[in-house]
Amino acid sequence: MYSNDVENADLRKARASIAEELEAVSWYEKRIEGVKDAELAKILAHNRDEEKEHAAMLIEWVRKNDKTQDDAFKSHD
């Protein structure tokens, strides 16, 4: 697989990307709240949902590549 340095760098990149995707979800939510045009609201909601999908894809990747993180998802209260 990877050397530890490369593996850790990849995990850091994935986690930073997750944070950015979730931040984008929040930005879209704020924009949707103030929109008067229904068509624009629909487009923004679509874009928001794509960001959610991106975050989910990254979380799955982290789970596959970090056993401790995966275990936390399985055993949290």
PDB file of N, CA and C in Angstrom:
ATOM      1  N   MET A   1       0.843  -1.184   0.000  1.00  0.00           N
ATOM      2  CA  MET A   1       0.000   0.000   0.000  1.00  0.00           C
ATOM      3  C   MET A   1       0.883   1.240   0.000  1.00  0.00           C
ATOM      4  N   TYR A   2       0.569   2.225   0.828  1.00  0.00           N
ATOM      5  CA  TYR A   2       1.312   3.476   0.916  1.00  0.00           C
ATOM      6  C   TYR A   2       2.359   3.394   2.019  1.00  0.00           C
ATOM      7  N   SER A   3       3.355   4.257   1.914  1.00  0.00           N
ATOM      8  CA  SER A   3       4.194   4.481   3.087  1.00  0.00           C
ATOM      9  C   SER A   3       3.353   5.287   4.064  1.00  0.00           C
ATOM     10  N   ASN A   4       3.730   5.280   5.331  1.00  0.00           N
ATOM     11  CA  ASN A   4       2.931   5.994   6.335  1.00  0.00           C
ATOM     12  C   ASN A   4       2.794   7.472   6.031  1.00  0.00           C
ATOM     13  N   ASP A   5       3.878   8.127   5.572  1.00  0.00           N
ATOM     14  CA  ASP A   5       3.812   9.563   5.288  1.00  0.00           C
ATOM     15  C   ASP A   5       2.804   9.862   4.183  1.00  0.00           C
ATOM     16  N   VAL A   6       2.843   9.075   3.118  1.00  0.00           N
ATOM     17  CA  VAL A   6       1.914   9.288   2.006  1.00  0.00           C
ATOM     18  C   VAL A   6       0.500   8.952   2.447  1.00  0.00           C
ATOM     19  N   GLU A   7       0.348   7.858   3.188  1.00  0.00           N
ATOM     20  CA  GLU A   7      -0.973   7.459   3.668  1.00  0.00           C
ATOM     21  C   GLU A   7      -1.562   8.543   4.569  1.00  0.00           C
ATOM     22  N   ASN A   8      -0.764   9.066   5.490  1.00  0.00           N
ATOM     23  CA  ASN A   8      -1.252  10.116   6.385  1.00  0.00           C
ATOM     24  C   ASN A   8      -1.578  11.386   5.612  1.00  0.00           C
ATOM     25  N   ALA A   9      -0.756  11.715   4.613  1.00  0.00           N
ATOM     26  CA  ALA A   9      -1.022  12.905   3.794  1.00  0.00           C
ATOM     27  C   ALA A   9      -2.341  12.730   3.041  1.00  0.00           C
ATOM     28  N   ASP A  10      -2.578  11.549   2.511  1.00  0.00           N
ATOM     29  CA  ASP A  10      -3.831  11.298   1.799  1.00  0.00           C
ATOM     30  C   ASP A  10      -5.022  11.406   2.740  1.00  0.00           C
ATOM     31  N   LEU A  11      -4.897  10.862   3.935  1.00  0.00           N
ATOM     32  CA  LEU A  11      -5.988  10.964   4.910  1.00  0.00           C
ATOM     33  C   LEU A  11      -6.244  12.417   5.284  1.00  0.00           C
ATOM     34  N   ARG A  12      -5.185  13.199   5.474  1.00  0.00           N
ATOM     35  CA  ARG A  12      -5.366  14.623   5.791  1.00  0.00           C
ATOM     36  C   ARG A  12      -6.078  15.344   4.654  1.00  0.00           C
ATOM     37  N   LYS A  13      -5.698  15.030   3.425  1.00  0.00           N
ATOM     38  CA  LYS A  13      -6.351  15.654   2.264  1.00  0.00           C
ATOM     39  C   LYS A  13      -7.826  15.267   2.205  1.00  0.00           C
ATOM     40  N   ALA A  14      -8.122  14.010   2.452  1.00  0.00           N
ATOM     41  CA  ALA A  14      -9.513  13.555   2.421  1.00  0.00           C
ATOM     42  C   ALA A  14     -10.324  14.242   3.516  1.00  0.00           C
ATOM     43  N   ARG A  15      -9.758  14.338   4.721  1.00  0.00           N
ATOM     44  CA  ARG A  15     -10.488  14.973   5.827  1.00  0.00           C
ATOM     45  C   ARG A  15     -10.707  16.454   5.579  1.00  0.00           C
ATOM     46  N   ALA A  16      -9.706  17.123   5.020  1.00  0.00           N
ATOM     47  CA  ALA A  16      -9.870  18.542   4.681  1.00  0.00           C
ATOM     48  C   ALA A  16     -10.953  18.702   3.621  1.00  0.00           C
ATOM     49  N   SER A  17     -10.980  17.789   2.676  1.00  0.00           N
ATOM     50  CA  SER A  17     -11.993  17.851   1.621  1.00  0.00           C
ATOM     51  C   SER A  17     -13.387  17.610   2.176  1.00  0.00           C
ATOM     52  N   ILE A  18     -13.508  16.698   3.152  1.00  0.00           N
ATOM     53  CA  ILE A  18     -14.805  16.471   3.800  1.00  0.00           C
ATOM     54  C   ILE A  18     -15.286  17.766   4.450  1.00  0.00           C
ATOM     55  N   ALA A  19     -14.399  18.418   5.176  1.00  0.00           N
ATOM     56  CA  ALA A  19     -14.770  19.672   5.834  1.00  0.00           C
ATOM     57  C   ALA A  19     -15.211  20.714   4.810  1.00  0.00           C
ATOM     58  N   GLU A  20     -14.506  20.794   3.694  1.00  0.00           N
ATOM     59  CA  GLU A  20     -14.856  21.762   2.655  1.00  0.00           C
ATOM     60  C   GLU A  20     -16.203  21.439   2.016  1.00  0.00           C
ATOM     61  N   GLU A  21     -16.470  20.165   1.790  1.00  0.00           N
ATOM     62  CA  GLU A  21     -17.748  19.770   1.203  1.00  0.00           C
ATOM     63  C   GLU A  21     -18.896  20.114   2.157  1.00  0.00           C
ATOM     64  N   LEU A  22     -18.716  19.846   3.450  1.00  0.00           N
ATOM     65  CA  LEU A  22     -19.768  20.159   4.424  1.00  0.00           C
ATOM     66  C   LEU A  22     -19.952  21.665   4.569  1.00  0.00           C
ATOM     67  N   GLU A  23     -18.864  22.408   4.471  1.00  0.00           N
ATOM     68  CA  GLU A  23     -18.986  23.865   4.489  1.00  0.00           C
ATOM     69  C   GLU A  23     -19.780  24.341   3.275  1.00  0.00           C
ATOM     70  N   ALA A  24     -19.541  23.729   2.124  1.00  0.00           N
ATOM     71  CA  ALA A  24     -20.286  24.091   0.914  1.00  0.00           C
ATOM     72  C   ALA A  24     -21.778  23.788   1.096  1.00  0.00           C
ATOM     73  N   VAL A  25     -22.102  22.671   1.752  1.00  0.00           N
ATOM     74  CA  VAL A  25     -23.505  22.349   2.039  1.00  0.00           C
ATOM     75  C   VAL A  25     -24.133  23.485   2.845  1.00  0.00           C
ATOM     76  N   SER A  26     -23.423  23.950   3.862  1.00  0.00           N
ATOM     77  CA  SER A  26     -23.947  25.037   4.693  1.00  0.00           C
ATOM     78  C   SER A  26     -24.132  26.321   3.889  1.00  0.00           C
ATOM     79  N   TRP A  27     -23.176  26.642   3.031  1.00  0.00           N
ATOM     80  CA  TRP A  27     -23.314  27.842   2.198  1.00  0.00           C
ATOM     81  C   TRP A  27     -24.533  27.746   1.294  1.00  0.00           C
ATOM     82  N   TYR A  28     -24.733  26.581   0.677  1.00  0.00           N
ATOM     83  CA  TYR A  28     -25.916  26.411  -0.176  1.00  0.00           C
ATOM     84  C   TYR A  28     -27.196  26.546   0.633  1.00  0.00           C
ATOM     85  N   GLU A  29     -27.214  25.992   1.841  1.00  0.00           N
ATOM     86  CA  GLU A  29     -28.398  26.119   2.695  1.00  0.00           C
ATOM     87  C   GLU A  29     -28.712  27.585   2.967  1.00  0.00           C
ATOM     88  N   LYS A  30     -27.688  28.363   3.287  1.00  0.00           N
ATOM     89  CA  LYS A  30     -27.900  29.789   3.552  1.00  0.00           C
ATOM     90  C   LYS A  30     -28.425  30.503   2.316  1.00  0.00           C
ATOM     91  N   ARG A  31     -27.888  30.158   1.154  1.00  0.00           N
ATOM     92  CA  ARG A  31     -28.338  30.798  -0.078  1.00  0.00           C
ATOM     93  C   ARG A  31     -29.778  30.424  -0.390  1.00  0.00           C
ATOM     94  N   ILE A  32     -30.144  29.179  -0.177  1.00  0.00           N
ATOM     95  CA  ILE A  32     -31.511  28.721  -0.466  1.00  0.00           C
ATOM     96  C   ILE A  32     -32.515  29.467   0.400  1.00  0.00           C
ATOM     97  N   GLU A  33     -32.153  29.708   1.656  1.00  0.00           N
ATOM     98  CA  GLU A  33     -33.070  30.386   2.583  1.00  0.00           C
ATOM     99  C   GLU A  33     -33.512  31.754   2.082  1.00  0.00           C
ATOM    100  N   GLY A  34     -32.645  32.468   1.383  1.00  0.00           N
ATOM    101  CA  GLY A  34     -32.975  33.818   0.958  1.00  0.00           C
ATOM    102  C   GLY A  34     -33.455  33.951  -0.474  1.00  0.00           C
ATOM    103  N   VAL A  35     -33.598  32.843  -1.168  1.00  0.00           N
ATOM    104  CA  VAL A  35     -33.961  32.886  -2.583  1.00  0.00           C
ATOM    105  C   VAL A  35     -35.468  33.017  -2.755  1.00  0.00           C
ATOM    106  N   LYS A  36     -35.874  33.920  -3.641  1.00  0.00           N
ATOM    107  CA  LYS A  36     -37.299  34.097  -3.939  1.00  0.00           C
ATOM    108  C   LYS A  36     -37.727  33.321  -5.172  1.00  0.00           C
ATOM    109  N   ASP A  37     -36.797  33.087  -6.082  1.00  0.00           N
ATOM    110  CA  ASP A  37     -37.106  32.403  -7.341  1.00  0.00           C
ATOM    111  C   ASP A  37     -37.047  30.886  -7.134  1.00  0.00           C
ATOM    112  N   ALA A  38     -38.155  30.198  -7.419  1.00  0.00           N
ATOM    113  CA  ALA A  38     -38.254  28.750  -7.189  1.00  0.00           C
ATOM    114  C   ALA A  38     -37.275  27.962  -8.053  1.00  0.00           C
ATOM    115  N   GLU A  39     -37.059  28.399  -9.280  1.00  0.00           N
ATOM    116  CA  GLU A  39     -36.129  27.690 -10.162  1.00  0.00           C
ATOM    117  C   GLU A  39     -34.702  27.769  -9.619  1.00  0.00           C
ATOM    118  N   LEU A  40     -34.315  28.957  -9.165  1.00  0.00           N
ATOM    119  CA  LEU A  40     -32.982  29.111  -8.575  1.00  0.00           C
ATOM    120  C   LEU A  40     -32.859  28.268  -7.310  1.00  0.00           C
ATOM    121  N   ALA A  41     -33.886  28.256  -6.480  1.00  0.00           N
ATOM    122  CA  ALA A  41     -33.858  27.445  -5.260  1.00  0.00           C
ATOM    123  C   ALA A  41     -33.662  25.972  -5.602  1.00  0.00           C
ATOM    124  N   LYS A  42     -34.304  25.516  -6.647  1.00  0.00           N
ATOM    125  CA  LYS A  42     -34.171  24.119  -7.070  1.00  0.00           C
ATOM    126  C   LYS A  42     -32.745  23.822  -7.525  1.00  0.00           C
ATOM    127  N   ILE A  43     -32.150  24.719  -8.277  1.00  0.00           N
ATOM    128  CA  ILE A  43     -30.769  24.538  -8.735  1.00  0.00           C
ATOM    129  C   ILE A  43     -29.815  24.512  -7.544  1.00  0.00           C
ATOM    130  N   LEU A  44     -29.995  25.449  -6.632  1.00  0.00           N
ATOM    131  CA  LEU A  44     -29.124  25.505  -5.458  1.00  0.00           C
ATOM    132  C   LEU A  44     -29.281  24.250  -4.594  1.00  0.00           C
ATOM    133  N   ALA A  45     -30.492  23.753  -4.458  1.00  0.00           N
ATOM    134  CA  ALA A  45     -30.729  22.526  -3.686  1.00  0.00           C
ATOM    135  C   ALA A  45     -30.046  21.337  -4.355  1.00  0.00           C
ATOM    136  N   HIS A  46     -30.108  21.294  -5.666  1.00  0.00           N
ATOM    137  CA  HIS A  46     -29.424  20.233  -6.411  1.00  0.00           C
ATOM    138  C   HIS A  46     -27.919  20.295  -6.146  1.00  0.00           C
ATOM    139  N   ASN A  47     -27.354  21.501  -6.228  1.00  0.00           N
ATOM    140  CA  ASN A  47     -25.920  21.667  -5.983  1.00  0.00           C
ATOM    141  C   ASN A  47     -25.561  21.274  -4.552  1.00  0.00           C
ATOM    142  N   ARG A  48     -26.403  21.664  -3.589  1.00  0.00           N
ATOM    143  CA  ARG A  48     -26.189  21.286  -2.186  1.00  0.00           C
ATOM    144  C   ARG A  48     -26.143  19.773  -2.028  1.00  0.00           C
ATOM    145  N   ASP A  49     -27.081  19.104  -2.682  1.00  0.00           N
ATOM    146  CA  ASP A  49     -27.149  17.653  -2.567  1.00  0.00           C
ATOM    147  C   ASP A  49     -25.945  16.968  -3.207  1.00  0.00           C
ATOM    148  N   GLU A  50     -25.401  17.556  -4.262  1.00  0.00           N
ATOM    149  CA  GLU A  50     -24.173  17.013  -4.852  1.00  0.00           C
ATOM    150  C   GLU A  50     -23.012  17.126  -3.869  1.00  0.00           C
ATOM    151  N   GLU A  51     -22.949  18.233  -3.133  1.00  0.00           N
ATOM    152  CA  GLU A  51     -21.895  18.399  -2.125  1.00  0.00           C
ATOM    153  C   GLU A  51     -22.039  17.328  -1.038  1.00  0.00           C
ATOM    154  N   LYS A  52     -23.263  17.005  -0.668  1.00  0.00           N
ATOM    155  CA  LYS A  52     -23.501  15.939   0.311  1.00  0.00           C
ATOM    156  C   LYS A  52     -22.984  14.605  -0.212  1.00  0.00           C
ATOM    157  N   GLU A  53     -23.226  14.355  -1.497  1.00  0.00           N
ATOM    158  CA  GLU A  53     -22.735  13.114  -2.103  1.00  0.00           C
ATOM    159  C   GLU A  53     -21.208  13.074  -2.084  1.00  0.00           C
ATOM    160  N   HIS A  54     -20.580  14.202  -2.406  1.00  0.00           N
ATOM    161  CA  HIS A  54     -19.118  14.263  -2.379  1.00  0.00           C
ATOM    162  C   HIS A  54     -18.592  13.955  -0.983  1.00  0.00           C
ATOM    163  N   ALA A  55     -19.221  14.541   0.043  1.00  0.00           N
ATOM    164  CA  ALA A  55     -18.798  14.284   1.424  1.00  0.00           C
ATOM    165  C   ALA A  55     -18.949  12.802   1.762  1.00  0.00           C
ATOM    166  N   ALA A  56     -20.052  12.208   1.352  1.00  0.00           N
ATOM    167  CA  ALA A  56     -20.286  10.790   1.631  1.00  0.00           C
ATOM    168  C   ALA A  56     -19.229   9.910   0.958  1.00  0.00           C
ATOM    169  N   MET A  57     -18.879  10.244  -0.264  1.00  0.00           N
ATOM    170  CA  MET A  57     -17.849   9.479  -0.977  1.00  0.00           C
ATOM    171  C   MET A  57     -16.507   9.562  -0.247  1.00  0.00           C
ATOM    172  N   LEU A  58     -16.172  10.747   0.220  1.00  0.00           N
ATOM    173  CA  LEU A  58     -14.913  10.924   0.942  1.00  0.00           C
ATOM    174  C   LEU A  58     -14.931  10.195   2.283  1.00  0.00           C
ATOM    175  N   ILE A  59     -16.059  10.246   2.977  1.00  0.00           N
ATOM    176  CA  ILE A  59     -16.165   9.537   4.256  1.00  0.00           C
ATOM    177  C   ILE A  59     -15.977   8.040   4.044  1.00  0.00           C
ATOM    178  N   GLU A  60     -16.578   7.508   3.011  1.00  0.00           N
ATOM    179  CA  GLU A  60     -16.403   6.087   2.700  1.00  0.00           C
ATOM    180  C   GLU A  60     -14.939   5.765   2.444  1.00  0.00           C
ATOM    181  N   TRP A  61     -14.245   6.643   1.717  1.00  0.00           N
ATOM    182  CA  TRP A  61     -12.832   6.420   1.429  1.00  0.00           C
ATOM    183  C   TRP A  61     -12.027   6.418   2.723  1.00  0.00           C
ATOM    184  N   VAL A  62     -12.306   7.373   3.618  1.00  0.00           N
ATOM    185  CA  VAL A  62     -11.599   7.424   4.899  1.00  0.00           C
ATOM    186  C   VAL A  62     -11.867   6.146   5.683  1.00  0.00           C
ATOM    187  N   ARG A  63     -13.092   5.704   5.690  1.00  0.00           N
ATOM    188  CA  ARG A  63     -13.425   4.468   6.422  1.00  0.00           C
ATOM    189  C   ARG A  63     -12.632   3.287   5.901  1.00  0.00           C
ATOM    190  N   LYS A  64     -12.442   3.216   4.603  1.00  0.00           N
ATOM    191  CA  LYS A  64     -11.681   2.110   3.996  1.00  0.00           C
ATOM    192  C   LYS A  64     -10.191   2.214   4.307  1.00  0.00           C
ATOM    193  N   ASN A  65      -9.719   3.409   4.587  1.00  0.00           N
ATOM    194  CA  ASN A  65      -8.284   3.623   4.718  1.00  0.00           C
ATOM    195  C   ASN A  65      -7.827   3.966   6.132  1.00  0.00           C
ATOM    196  N   ASP A  66      -8.756   4.018   7.088  1.00  0.00           N
ATOM    197  CA  ASP A  66      -8.413   4.295   8.479  1.00  0.00           C
ATOM    198  C   ASP A  66      -9.282   3.394   9.363  1.00  0.00           C
ATOM    199  N   LYS A  67      -8.695   2.278   9.800  1.00  0.00           N
ATOM    200  CA  LYS A  67      -9.447   1.296  10.573  1.00  0.00           C
ATOM    201  C   LYS A  67     -10.003   1.889  11.862  1.00  0.00           C
ATOM    202  N   THR A  68      -9.232   2.734  12.530  1.00  0.00           N
ATOM    203  CA  THR A  68      -9.696   3.341  13.775  1.00  0.00           C
ATOM    204  C   THR A  68     -10.933   4.198  13.528  1.00  0.00           C
ATOM    205  N   GLN A  69     -10.905   4.972  12.456  1.00  0.00           N
ATOM    206  CA  GLN A  69     -12.060   5.805  12.115  1.00  0.00           C
ATOM    207  C   GLN A  69     -13.260   4.937  11.774  1.00  0.00           C
ATOM    208  N   ASP A  70     -13.026   3.875  11.012  1.00  0.00           N
ATOM    209  CA  ASP A  70     -14.110   2.970  10.646  1.00  0.00           C
ATOM    210  C   ASP A  70     -14.720   2.340  11.893  1.00  0.00           C
ATOM    211  N   ASP A  71     -13.870   1.917  12.812  1.00  0.00           N
ATOM    212  CA  ASP A  71     -14.371   1.333  14.062  1.00  0.00           C
ATOM    213  C   ASP A  71     -15.214   2.341  14.841  1.00  0.00           C
ATOM    214  N   ALA A  72     -14.813   3.614  14.816  1.00  0.00           N
ATOM    215  CA  ALA A  72     -15.582   4.653  15.508  1.00  0.00           C
ATOM    216  C   ALA A  72     -16.982   4.795  14.915  1.00  0.00           C
ATOM    217  N   PHE A  73     -17.073   4.694  13.589  1.00  0.00           N
ATOM    218  CA  PHE A  73     -18.392   4.753  12.959  1.00  0.00           C
ATOM    219  C   PHE A  73     -19.256   3.572  13.374  1.00  0.00           C
ATOM    220  N   LYS A  74     -18.646   2.423  13.539  1.00  0.00           N
ATOM    221  CA  LYS A  74     -19.399   1.227  13.877  1.00  0.00           C
ATOM    222  C   LYS A  74     -19.808   1.158  15.349  1.00  0.00           C
ATOM    223  N   SER A  75     -19.011   1.784  16.239  1.00  0.00           N
ATOM    224  CA  SER A  75     -19.239   1.553  17.662  1.00  0.00           C
ATOM    225  C   SER A  75     -19.617   2.784  18.476  1.00  0.00           C
ATOM    226  N   HIS A  76     -19.817   3.921  17.835  1.00  0.00           N
ATOM    227  CA  HIS A  76     -20.146   5.114  18.620  1.00  0.00           C
ATOM    228  C   HIS A  76     -21.479   4.944  19.333  1.00  0.00           C
ATOM    229  N   ASP A  77     -21.652   5.703  20.403  1.00  0.00           N
ATOM    230  CA  ASP A  77     -22.886   5.588  21.202  1.00  0.00           C
ATOM    231  C   ASP A  77     -24.040   6.165  20.455  1.00  0.00           C
TER     232      ASP A  77
END
